[in-house]
Amino acid sequence: MLNFCTLIVLNELENYMFMKKRIDSRILKFMYYVCCLFVVACQSMLLVTYLMYHTPLEKVMATVLAVVAWQVLYEDFFKRKILPSFVLAPPAKEKEI
């Protein structure tokens, strides 16, 4: 679950991490830093649980399951708009400079 959450957050922050979009407001900057802190916390917890509590097979299977779930649900299902239009919010138009 920690891997899956990290993948979702990193995918959402991708535009801001590579400076494709600029963060102008203080609230967005604060939320960006909170999300970055969340990713660091998730990876720290993941490292501790992997080192202390799981066998190598469990580690590999959990990571593969998280990546496959992220790919199927997030990349394929939500971004291709398979859902009816009333379920998804309309896409936001980007500002032209």
PDB file of N, CA and C in Angstrom:
ATOM      1  N   MET A   1       0.819  -1.183   0.000  1.00  0.00           N
ATOM      2  CA  MET A   1       0.000   0.000   0.000  1.00  0.00           C
ATOM      3  C   MET A   1       0.869   1.256   0.000  1.00  0.00           C
ATOM      4  N   LEU A   2       1.976   1.205   0.700  1.00  0.00           N
ATOM      5  CA  LEU A   2       2.864   2.371   0.726  1.00  0.00           C
ATOM      6  C   LEU A   2       3.472   2.638  -0.654  1.00  0.00           C
ATOM      7  N   ASN A   3       3.833   1.585  -1.355  1.00  0.00           N
ATOM      8  CA  ASN A   3       4.351   1.758  -2.715  1.00  0.00           C
ATOM      9  C   ASN A   3       3.293   2.366  -3.622  1.00  0.00           C
ATOM     10  N   PHE A   4       2.081   1.886  -3.529  1.00  0.00           N
ATOM     11  CA  PHE A   4       0.982   2.382  -4.360  1.00  0.00           C
ATOM     12  C   PHE A   4       0.720   3.865  -4.073  1.00  0.00           C
ATOM     13  N   CYS A   5       0.666   4.236  -2.811  1.00  0.00           N
ATOM     14  CA  CYS A   5       0.442   5.648  -2.448  1.00  0.00           C
ATOM     15  C   CYS A   5       1.573   6.532  -2.963  1.00  0.00           C
ATOM     16  N   THR A   6       2.784   6.057  -2.839  1.00  0.00           N
ATOM     17  CA  THR A   6       3.933   6.823  -3.324  1.00  0.00           C
ATOM     18  C   THR A   6       3.862   7.014  -4.838  1.00  0.00           C
ATOM     19  N   LEU A   7       3.506   5.971  -5.557  1.00  0.00           N
ATOM     20  CA  LEU A   7       3.394   6.089  -7.011  1.00  0.00           C
ATOM     21  C   LEU A   7       2.322   7.093  -7.420  1.00  0.00           C
ATOM     22  N   ILE A   8       1.200   7.088  -6.733  1.00  0.00           N
ATOM     23  CA  ILE A   8       0.126   8.031  -7.052  1.00  0.00           C
ATOM     24  C   ILE A   8       0.575   9.459  -6.792  1.00  0.00           C
ATOM     25  N   VAL A   9       1.167   9.708  -5.637  1.00  0.00           N
ATOM     26  CA  VAL A   9       1.597  11.067  -5.292  1.00  0.00           C
ATOM     27  C   VAL A   9       2.683  11.542  -6.250  1.00  0.00           C
ATOM     28  N   LEU A  10       3.644  10.702  -6.544  1.00  0.00           N
ATOM     29  CA  LEU A  10       4.710  11.108  -7.460  1.00  0.00           C
ATOM     30  C   LEU A  10       4.186  11.363  -8.866  1.00  0.00           C
ATOM     31  N   ASN A  11       3.203  10.604  -9.279  1.00  0.00           N
ATOM     32  CA  ASN A  11       2.616  10.831 -10.595  1.00  0.00           C
ATOM     33  C   ASN A  11       1.889  12.173 -10.645  1.00  0.00           C
ATOM     34  N   GLU A  12       1.208  12.529  -9.571  1.00  0.00           N
ATOM     35  CA  GLU A  12       0.504  13.806  -9.523  1.00  0.00           C
ATOM     36  C   GLU A  12       1.474  14.980  -9.426  1.00  0.00           C
ATOM     37  N   LEU A  13       2.592  14.783  -8.781  1.00  0.00           N
ATOM     38  CA  LEU A  13       3.564  15.861  -8.610  1.00  0.00           C
ATOM     39  C   LEU A  13       4.559  15.962  -9.760  1.00  0.00           C
ATOM     40  N   GLU A  14       4.434  15.097 -10.737  1.00  0.00           N
ATOM     41  CA  GLU A  14       5.420  15.046 -11.825  1.00  0.00           C
ATOM     42  C   GLU A  14       5.577  16.382 -12.539  1.00  0.00           C
ATOM     43  N   ASN A  15       4.493  17.063 -12.808  1.00  0.00           N
ATOM     44  CA  ASN A  15       4.577  18.340 -13.514  1.00  0.00           C
ATOM     45  C   ASN A  15       5.321  19.391 -12.704  1.00  0.00           C
ATOM     46  N   TYR A  16       5.179  19.351 -11.401  1.00  0.00           N
ATOM     47  CA  TYR A  16       5.843  20.333 -10.554  1.00  0.00           C
ATOM     48  C   TYR A  16       7.293  19.965 -10.287  1.00  0.00           C
ATOM     49  N   MET A  17       7.596  18.672 -10.233  1.00  0.00           N
ATOM     50  CA  MET A  17       8.968  18.242  -9.961  1.00  0.00           C
ATOM     51  C   MET A  17       9.891  18.609 -11.108  1.00  0.00           C
ATOM     52  N   PHE A  18       9.423  18.485 -12.333  1.00  0.00           N
ATOM     53  CA  PHE A  18      10.262  18.761 -13.487  1.00  0.00           C
ATOM     54  C   PHE A  18      10.025  20.158 -14.034  1.00  0.00           C
ATOM     55  N   MET A  19       9.381  21.009 -13.232  1.00  0.00           N
ATOM     56  CA  MET A  19       9.150  22.418 -13.544  1.00  0.00           C
ATOM     57  C   MET A  19       8.388  22.635 -14.853  1.00  0.00           C
ATOM     58  N   LYS A  20       7.498  21.706 -15.171  1.00  0.00           N
ATOM     59  CA  LYS A  20       6.631  21.911 -16.325  1.00  0.00           C
ATOM     60  C   LYS A  20       5.542  22.915 -15.985  1.00  0.00           C
ATOM     61  N   LYS A  21       5.170  22.958 -14.712  1.00  0.00           N
ATOM     62  CA  LYS A  21       4.215  23.951 -14.226  1.00  0.00           C
ATOM     63  C   LYS A  21       4.867  24.701 -13.080  1.00  0.00           C
ATOM     64  N   ARG A  22       4.547  25.949 -12.984  1.00  0.00           N
ATOM     65  CA  ARG A  22       5.115  26.777 -11.932  1.00  0.00           C
ATOM     66  C   ARG A  22       4.141  26.858 -10.760  1.00  0.00           C
ATOM     67  N   ILE A  23       4.676  26.831  -9.571  1.00  0.00           N
ATOM     68  CA  ILE A  23       3.853  26.949  -8.370  1.00  0.00           C
ATOM     69  C   ILE A  23       3.872  28.409  -7.947  1.00  0.00           C
ATOM     70  N   ASP A  24       2.727  29.081  -8.060  1.00  0.00           N
ATOM     71  CA  ASP A  24       2.685  30.503  -7.772  1.00  0.00           C
ATOM     72  C   ASP A  24       2.164  30.830  -6.377  1.00  0.00           C
ATOM     73  N   SER A  25       1.185  30.119  -5.899  1.00  0.00           N
ATOM     74  CA  SER A  25       0.586  30.489  -4.615  1.00  0.00           C
ATOM     75  C   SER A  25       1.294  29.803  -3.453  1.00  0.00           C
ATOM     76  N   ARG A  26       1.174  30.412  -2.286  1.00  0.00           N
ATOM     77  CA  ARG A  26       1.793  29.856  -1.087  1.00  0.00           C
ATOM     78  C   ARG A  26       1.130  28.553  -0.668  1.00  0.00           C
ATOM     79  N   ILE A  27      -0.170  28.483  -0.870  1.00  0.00           N
ATOM     80  CA  ILE A  27      -0.894  27.270  -0.481  1.00  0.00           C
ATOM     81  C   ILE A  27      -0.429  26.086  -1.321  1.00  0.00           C
ATOM     82  N   LEU A  28      -0.254  26.296  -2.628  1.00  0.00           N
ATOM     83  CA  LEU A  28       0.227  25.208  -3.491  1.00  0.00           C
ATOM     84  C   LEU A  28       1.645  24.792  -3.126  1.00  0.00           C
ATOM     85  N   LYS A  29       2.487  25.764  -2.794  1.00  0.00           N
ATOM     86  CA  LYS A  29       3.848  25.426  -2.373  1.00  0.00           C
ATOM     87  C   LYS A  29       3.820  24.615  -1.089  1.00  0.00           C
ATOM     88  N   PHE A  30       2.963  25.028  -0.146  1.00  0.00           N
ATOM     89  CA  PHE A  30       2.840  24.298   1.113  1.00  0.00           C
ATOM     90  C   PHE A  30       2.366  22.871   0.854  1.00  0.00           C
ATOM     91  N   MET A  31       1.349  22.715   0.002  1.00  0.00           N
ATOM     92  CA  MET A  31       0.836  21.384  -0.304  1.00  0.00           C
ATOM     93  C   MET A  31       1.885  20.536  -1.034  1.00  0.00           C
ATOM     94  N   TYR A  32       2.681  21.169  -1.885  1.00  0.00           N
ATOM     95  CA  TYR A  32       3.760  20.459  -2.572  1.00  0.00           C
ATOM     96  C   TYR A  32       4.754  19.896  -1.561  1.00  0.00           C
ATOM     97  N   TYR A  33       5.138  20.713  -0.583  1.00  0.00           N
ATOM     98  CA  TYR A  33       6.083  20.257   0.437  1.00  0.00           C
ATOM     99  C   TYR A  33       5.466  19.192   1.344  1.00  0.00           C
ATOM    100  N   VAL A  34       4.181  19.306   1.636  1.00  0.00           N
ATOM    101  CA  VAL A  34       3.496  18.284   2.431  1.00  0.00           C
ATOM    102  C   VAL A  34       3.500  16.956   1.679  1.00  0.00           C
ATOM    103  N   CYS A  35       3.233  17.004   0.384  1.00  0.00           N
ATOM    104  CA  CYS A  35       3.249  15.772  -0.421  1.00  0.00           C
ATOM    105  C   CYS A  35       4.645  15.170  -0.482  1.00  0.00           C
ATOM    106  N   CYS A  36       5.660  16.016  -0.609  1.00  0.00           N
ATOM    107  CA  CYS A  36       7.039  15.519  -0.606  1.00  0.00           C
ATOM    108  C   CYS A  36       7.380  14.883   0.737  1.00  0.00           C
ATOM    109  N   LEU A  37       6.941  15.489   1.823  1.00  0.00           N
ATOM    110  CA  LEU A  37       7.159  14.920   3.148  1.00  0.00           C
ATOM    111  C   LEU A  37       6.417  13.592   3.295  1.00  0.00           C
ATOM    112  N   PHE A  38       5.214  13.507   2.735  1.00  0.00           N
ATOM    113  CA  PHE A  38       4.448  12.267   2.753  1.00  0.00           C
ATOM    114  C   PHE A  38       5.188  11.147   2.020  1.00  0.00           C
ATOM    115  N   VAL A  39       5.776  11.464   0.874  1.00  0.00           N
ATOM    116  CA  VAL A  39       6.526  10.465   0.111  1.00  0.00           C
ATOM    117  C   VAL A  39       7.737   9.990   0.911  1.00  0.00           C
ATOM    118  N   VAL A  40       8.445  10.909   1.530  1.00  0.00           N
ATOM    119  CA  VAL A  40       9.611  10.531   2.343  1.00  0.00           C
ATOM    120  C   VAL A  40       9.174   9.660   3.519  1.00  0.00           C
ATOM    121  N   ALA A  41       8.061  10.022   4.155  1.00  0.00           N
ATOM    122  CA  ALA A  41       7.559   9.221   5.284  1.00  0.00           C
ATOM    123  C   ALA A  41       7.152   7.821   4.821  1.00  0.00           C
ATOM    124  N   CYS A  42       6.471   7.736   3.683  1.00  0.00           N
ATOM    125  CA  CYS A  42       6.068   6.425   3.157  1.00  0.00           C
ATOM    126  C   CYS A  42       7.275   5.556   2.849  1.00  0.00           C
ATOM    127  N   GLN A  43       8.280   6.143   2.235  1.00  0.00           N
ATOM    128  CA  GLN A  43       9.457   5.357   1.894  1.00  0.00           C
ATOM    129  C   GLN A  43      10.247   4.950   3.133  1.00  0.00           C
ATOM    130  N   SER A  44      10.252   5.801   4.162  1.00  0.00           N
ATOM    131  CA  SER A  44      10.912   5.434   5.419  1.00  0.00           C
ATOM    132  C   SER A  44      10.196   4.271   6.085  1.00  0.00           C
ATOM    133  N   MET A  45       8.874   4.346   6.145  1.00  0.00           N
ATOM    134  CA  MET A  45       8.104   3.245   6.733  1.00  0.00           C
ATOM    135  C   MET A  45       8.278   1.972   5.916  1.00  0.00           C
ATOM    136  N   LEU A  46       8.322   2.116   4.607  1.00  0.00           N
ATOM    137  CA  LEU A  46       8.508   0.965   3.736  1.00  0.00           C
ATOM    138  C   LEU A  46       9.862   0.309   3.989  1.00  0.00           C
ATOM    139  N   LEU A  47      10.876   1.099   4.127  1.00  0.00           N
ATOM    140  CA  LEU A  47      12.209   0.565   4.387  1.00  0.00           C
ATOM    141  C   LEU A  47      12.244  -0.191   5.710  1.00  0.00           C
ATOM    142  N   VAL A  48      11.651   0.374   6.739  1.00  0.00           N
ATOM    143  CA  VAL A  48      11.640  -0.290   8.047  1.00  0.00           C
ATOM    144  C   VAL A  48      10.861  -1.603   7.988  1.00  0.00           C
ATOM    145  N   THR A  49       9.683  -1.570   7.382  1.00  0.00           N
ATOM    146  CA  THR A  49       8.898  -2.805   7.339  1.00  0.00           C
ATOM    147  C   THR A  49       9.555  -3.857   6.458  1.00  0.00           C
ATOM    148  N   TYR A  50      10.174  -3.439   5.355  1.00  0.00           N
ATOM    149  CA  TYR A  50      10.854  -4.414   4.504  1.00  0.00           C
ATOM    150  C   TYR A  50      12.054  -5.036   5.221  1.00  0.00           C
ATOM    151  N   LEU A  51      12.786  -4.238   5.972  1.00  0.00           N
ATOM    152  CA  LEU A  51      13.976  -4.773   6.642  1.00  0.00           C
ATOM    153  C   LEU A  51      13.638  -5.638   7.846  1.00  0.00           C
ATOM    154  N   MET A  52      12.541  -5.329   8.532  1.00  0.00           N
ATOM    155  CA  MET A  52      12.259  -5.999   9.795  1.00  0.00           C
ATOM    156  C   MET A  52      11.222  -7.121   9.707  1.00  0.00           C
ATOM    157  N   TYR A  53      10.221  -6.967   8.889  1.00  0.00           N
ATOM    158  CA  TYR A  53       9.048  -7.819   9.042  1.00  0.00           C
ATOM    159  C   TYR A  53       8.733  -8.768   7.884  1.00  0.00           C
ATOM    160  N   HIS A  54       9.319  -8.603   6.730  1.00  0.00           N
ATOM    161  CA  HIS A  54       8.879  -9.380   5.578  1.00  0.00           C
ATOM    162  C   HIS A  54       9.985 -10.258   5.000  1.00  0.00           C
ATOM    163  N   THR A  55       9.555 -11.356   4.402  1.00  0.00           N
ATOM    164  CA  THR A  55      10.486 -12.233   3.699  1.00  0.00           C
ATOM    165  C   THR A  55      10.745 -11.654   2.304  1.00  0.00           C
ATOM    166  N   PRO A  56      11.819 -12.094   1.656  1.00  0.00           N
ATOM    167  CA  PRO A  56      12.091 -11.571   0.310  1.00  0.00           C
ATOM    168  C   PRO A  56      10.949 -11.804  -0.682  1.00  0.00           C
ATOM    169  N   LEU A  57      10.281 -12.941  -0.601  1.00  0.00           N
ATOM    170  CA  LEU A  57       9.162 -13.209  -1.501  1.00  0.00           C
ATOM    171  C   LEU A  57       8.020 -12.214  -1.273  1.00  0.00           C
ATOM    172  N   GLU A  58       7.715 -11.931  -0.010  1.00  0.00           N
ATOM    173  CA  GLU A  58       6.668 -10.956   0.289  1.00  0.00           C
ATOM    174  C   GLU A  58       7.033  -9.572  -0.225  1.00  0.00           C
ATOM    175  N   LYS A  59       8.289  -9.190  -0.119  1.00  0.00           N
ATOM    176  CA  LYS A  59       8.751  -7.878  -0.592  1.00  0.00           C
ATOM    177  C   LYS A  59       8.554  -7.745  -2.100  1.00  0.00           C
ATOM    178  N   VAL A  60       8.987  -8.757  -2.811  1.00  0.00           N
ATOM    179  CA  VAL A  60       8.887  -8.712  -4.275  1.00  0.00           C
ATOM    180  C   VAL A  60       7.424  -8.744  -4.717  1.00  0.00           C
ATOM    181  N   MET A  61       6.651  -9.624  -4.129  1.00  0.00           N
ATOM    182  CA  MET A  61       5.238  -9.746  -4.521  1.00  0.00           C
ATOM    183  C   MET A  61       4.461  -8.464  -4.216  1.00  0.00           C
ATOM    184  N   ALA A  62       4.711  -7.850  -3.070  1.00  0.00           N
ATOM    185  CA  ALA A  62       4.013  -6.621  -2.715  1.00  0.00           C
ATOM    186  C   ALA A  62       4.380  -5.482  -3.654  1.00  0.00           C
ATOM    187  N   THR A  63       5.645  -5.383  -4.005  1.00  0.00           N
ATOM    188  CA  THR A  63       6.082  -4.316  -4.907  1.00  0.00           C
ATOM    189  C   THR A  63       5.501  -4.524  -6.299  1.00  0.00           C
ATOM    190  N   VAL A  64       5.530  -5.738  -6.785  1.00  0.00           N
ATOM    191  CA  VAL A  64       4.956  -6.030  -8.104  1.00  0.00           C
ATOM    192  C   VAL A  64       3.452  -5.764  -8.107  1.00  0.00           C
ATOM    193  N   LEU A  65       2.766  -6.177  -7.071  1.00  0.00           N
ATOM    194  CA  LEU A  65       1.330  -5.936  -6.975  1.00  0.00           C
ATOM    195  C   LEU A  65       1.012  -4.443  -6.947  1.00  0.00           C
ATOM    196  N   ALA A  66       1.798  -3.654  -6.221  1.00  0.00           N
ATOM    197  CA  ALA A  66       1.571  -2.214  -6.156  1.00  0.00           C
ATOM    198  C   ALA A  66       1.788  -1.554  -7.514  1.00  0.00           C
ATOM    199  N   VAL A  67       2.832  -1.937  -8.210  1.00  0.00           N
ATOM    200  CA  VAL A  67       3.109  -1.342  -9.517  1.00  0.00           C
ATOM    201  C   VAL A  67       2.040  -1.742 -10.535  1.00  0.00           C
ATOM    202  N   VAL A  68       1.626  -2.982 -10.515  1.00  0.00           N
ATOM    203  CA  VAL A  68       0.584  -3.439 -11.443  1.00  0.00           C
ATOM    204  C   VAL A  68      -0.742  -2.746 -11.134  1.00  0.00           C
ATOM    205  N   ALA A  69      -1.084  -2.641  -9.862  1.00  0.00           N
ATOM    206  CA  ALA A  69      -2.332  -1.957  -9.484  1.00  0.00           C
ATOM    207  C   ALA A  69      -2.305  -0.501  -9.895  1.00  0.00           C
ATOM    208  N   TRP A  70      -1.175   0.165  -9.700  1.00  0.00           N
ATOM    209  CA  TRP A  70      -1.034   1.564 -10.113  1.00  0.00           C
ATOM    210  C   TRP A  70      -1.176   1.688 -11.631  1.00  0.00           C
ATOM    211  N   GLN A  71      -0.538   0.814 -12.362  1.00  0.00           N
ATOM    212  CA  GLN A  71      -0.598   0.874 -13.820  1.00  0.00           C
ATOM    213  C   GLN A  71      -2.020   0.652 -14.326  1.00  0.00           C
ATOM    214  N   VAL A  72      -2.677  -0.352 -13.813  1.00  0.00           N
ATOM    215  CA  VAL A  72      -4.022  -0.682 -14.285  1.00  0.00           C
ATOM    216  C   VAL A  72      -5.031   0.372 -13.851  1.00  0.00           C
ATOM    217  N   LEU A  73      -5.045   0.699 -12.571  1.00  0.00           N
ATOM    218  CA  LEU A  73      -6.051   1.623 -12.066  1.00  0.00           C
ATOM    219  C   LEU A  73      -5.783   3.063 -12.470  1.00  0.00           C
ATOM    220  N   TYR A  74      -4.601   3.528 -12.207  1.00  0.00           N
ATOM    221  CA  TYR A  74      -4.332   4.950 -12.377  1.00  0.00           C
ATOM    222  C   TYR A  74      -4.027   5.316 -13.823  1.00  0.00           C
ATOM    223  N   GLU A  75      -3.086   4.651 -14.413  1.00  0.00           N
ATOM    224  CA  GLU A  75      -2.673   5.005 -15.770  1.00  0.00           C
ATOM    225  C   GLU A  75      -3.700   4.587 -16.818  1.00  0.00           C
ATOM    226  N   ASP A  76      -4.214   3.384 -16.728  1.00  0.00           N
ATOM    227  CA  ASP A  76      -5.113   2.890 -17.763  1.00  0.00           C
ATOM    228  C   ASP A  76      -6.560   3.298 -17.522  1.00  0.00           C
ATOM    229  N   PHE A  77      -7.073   3.065 -16.326  1.00  0.00           N
ATOM    230  CA  PHE A  77      -8.494   3.264 -16.056  1.00  0.00           C
ATOM    231  C   PHE A  77      -8.870   4.735 -15.926  1.00  0.00           C
ATOM    232  N   PHE A  78      -8.169   5.480 -15.083  1.00  0.00           N
ATOM    233  CA  PHE A  78      -8.555   6.860 -14.813  1.00  0.00           C
ATOM    234  C   PHE A  78      -8.109   7.832 -15.893  1.00  0.00           C
ATOM    235  N   LYS A  79      -6.923   7.656 -16.454  1.00  0.00           N
ATOM    236  CA  LYS A  79      -6.432   8.615 -17.440  1.00  0.00           C
ATOM    237  C   LYS A  79      -7.022   8.401 -18.828  1.00  0.00           C
ATOM    238  N   ARG A  80      -7.525   7.236 -19.124  1.00  0.00           N
ATOM    239  CA  ARG A  80      -8.146   7.005 -20.436  1.00  0.00           C
ATOM    240  C   ARG A  80      -9.618   7.344 -20.443  1.00  0.00           C
ATOM    241  N   LYS A  81     -10.134   7.763 -19.306  1.00  0.00           N
ATOM    242  CA  LYS A  81     -11.525   8.192 -19.182  1.00  0.00           C
ATOM    243  C   LYS A  81     -12.504   7.112 -19.618  1.00  0.00           C
ATOM    244  N   ILE A  82     -12.294   5.905 -19.123  1.00  0.00           N
ATOM    245  CA  ILE A  82     -13.214   4.803 -19.383  1.00  0.00           C
ATOM    246  C   ILE A  82     -14.513   5.027 -18.613  1.00  0.00           C
ATOM    247  N   LEU A  83     -14.407   5.725 -17.482  1.00  0.00           N
ATOM    248  CA  LEU A  83     -15.583   5.998 -16.677  1.00  0.00           C
ATOM    249  C   LEU A  83     -16.519   6.958 -17.393  1.00  0.00           C
ATOM    250  N   PRO A  84     -17.816   6.940 -17.104  1.00  0.00           N
ATOM    251  CA  PRO A  84     -18.735   7.917 -17.696  1.00  0.00           C
ATOM    252  C   PRO A  84     -18.358   9.336 -17.289  1.00  0.00           C
ATOM    253  N   SER A  85     -18.754  10.298 -18.094  1.00  0.00           N
ATOM    254  CA  SER A  85     -18.317  11.678 -17.875  1.00  0.00           C
ATOM    255  C   SER A  85     -18.848  12.262 -16.579  1.00  0.00           C
ATOM    256  N   PHE A  86     -19.971  11.773 -16.069  1.00  0.00           N
ATOM    257  CA  PHE A  86     -20.496  12.338 -14.825  1.00  0.00           C
ATOM    258  C   PHE A  86     -19.694  11.896 -13.604  1.00  0.00           C
ATOM    259  N   VAL A  87     -18.869  10.860 -13.736  1.00  0.00           N
ATOM    260  CA  VAL A  87     -18.057  10.400 -12.616  1.00  0.00           C
ATOM    261  C   VAL A  87     -16.788  11.235 -12.503  1.00  0.00           C
ATOM    262  N   LEU A  88     -16.196  11.565 -13.623  1.00  0.00           N
ATOM    263  CA  LEU A  88     -14.968  12.349 -13.632  1.00  0.00           C
ATOM    264  C   LEU A  88     -15.283  13.828 -13.778  1.00  0.00           C
ATOM    265  N   ALA A  89     -14.483  14.647 -13.149  1.00  0.00           N
ATOM    266  CA  ALA A  89     -14.624  16.085 -13.315  1.00  0.00           C
ATOM    267  C   ALA A  89     -14.147  16.467 -14.710  1.00  0.00           C
ATOM    268  N   PRO A  90     -14.695  17.530 -15.287  1.00  0.00           N
ATOM    269  CA  PRO A  90     -14.226  17.929 -16.610  1.00  0.00           C
ATOM    270  C   PRO A  90     -12.758  18.366 -16.541  1.00  0.00           C
ATOM    271  N   PRO A  91     -12.009  18.114 -17.602  1.00  0.00           N
ATOM    272  CA  PRO A  91     -10.588  18.466 -17.556  1.00  0.00           C
ATOM    273  C   PRO A  91     -10.408  19.974 -17.500  1.00  0.00           C
ATOM    274  N   ALA A  92      -9.426  20.389 -16.709  1.00  0.00           N
ATOM    275  CA  ALA A  92      -9.124  21.817 -16.573  1.00  0.00           C
ATOM    276  C   ALA A  92      -8.335  22.277 -17.801  1.00  0.00           C
ATOM    277  N   LYS A  93      -8.691  23.451 -18.293  1.00  0.00           N
ATOM    278  CA  LYS A  93      -7.964  24.002 -19.437  1.00  0.00           C
ATOM    279  C   LYS A  93      -6.712  24.703 -18.929  1.00  0.00           C
ATOM    280  N   GLU A  94      -5.608  24.471 -19.634  1.00  0.00           N
ATOM    281  CA  GLU A  94      -4.360  25.111 -19.245  1.00  0.00           C
ATOM    282  C   GLU A  94      -4.320  26.524 -19.815  1.00  0.00           C
ATOM    283  N   LYS A  95      -3.697  27.416 -19.052  1.00  0.00           N
ATOM    284  CA  LYS A  95      -3.545  28.796 -19.497  1.00  0.00           C
ATOM    285  C   LYS A  95      -2.461  28.885 -20.551  1.00  0.00           C
ATOM    286  N   GLU A  96      -2.732  29.662 -21.571  1.00  0.00           N
ATOM    287  CA  GLU A  96      -1.724  29.879 -22.586  1.00  0.00           C
ATOM    288  C   GLU A  96      -0.967  31.145 -22.258  1.00  0.00           C
ATOM    289  N   ILE A  97       0.335  31.101 -22.406  1.00  0.00           N
ATOM    290  CA  ILE A  97       1.161  32.267 -22.074  1.00  0.00           C
ATOM    291  C   ILE A  97       1.342  33.145 -23.287  1.00  0.00           C
TER     292      ILE A  97
END
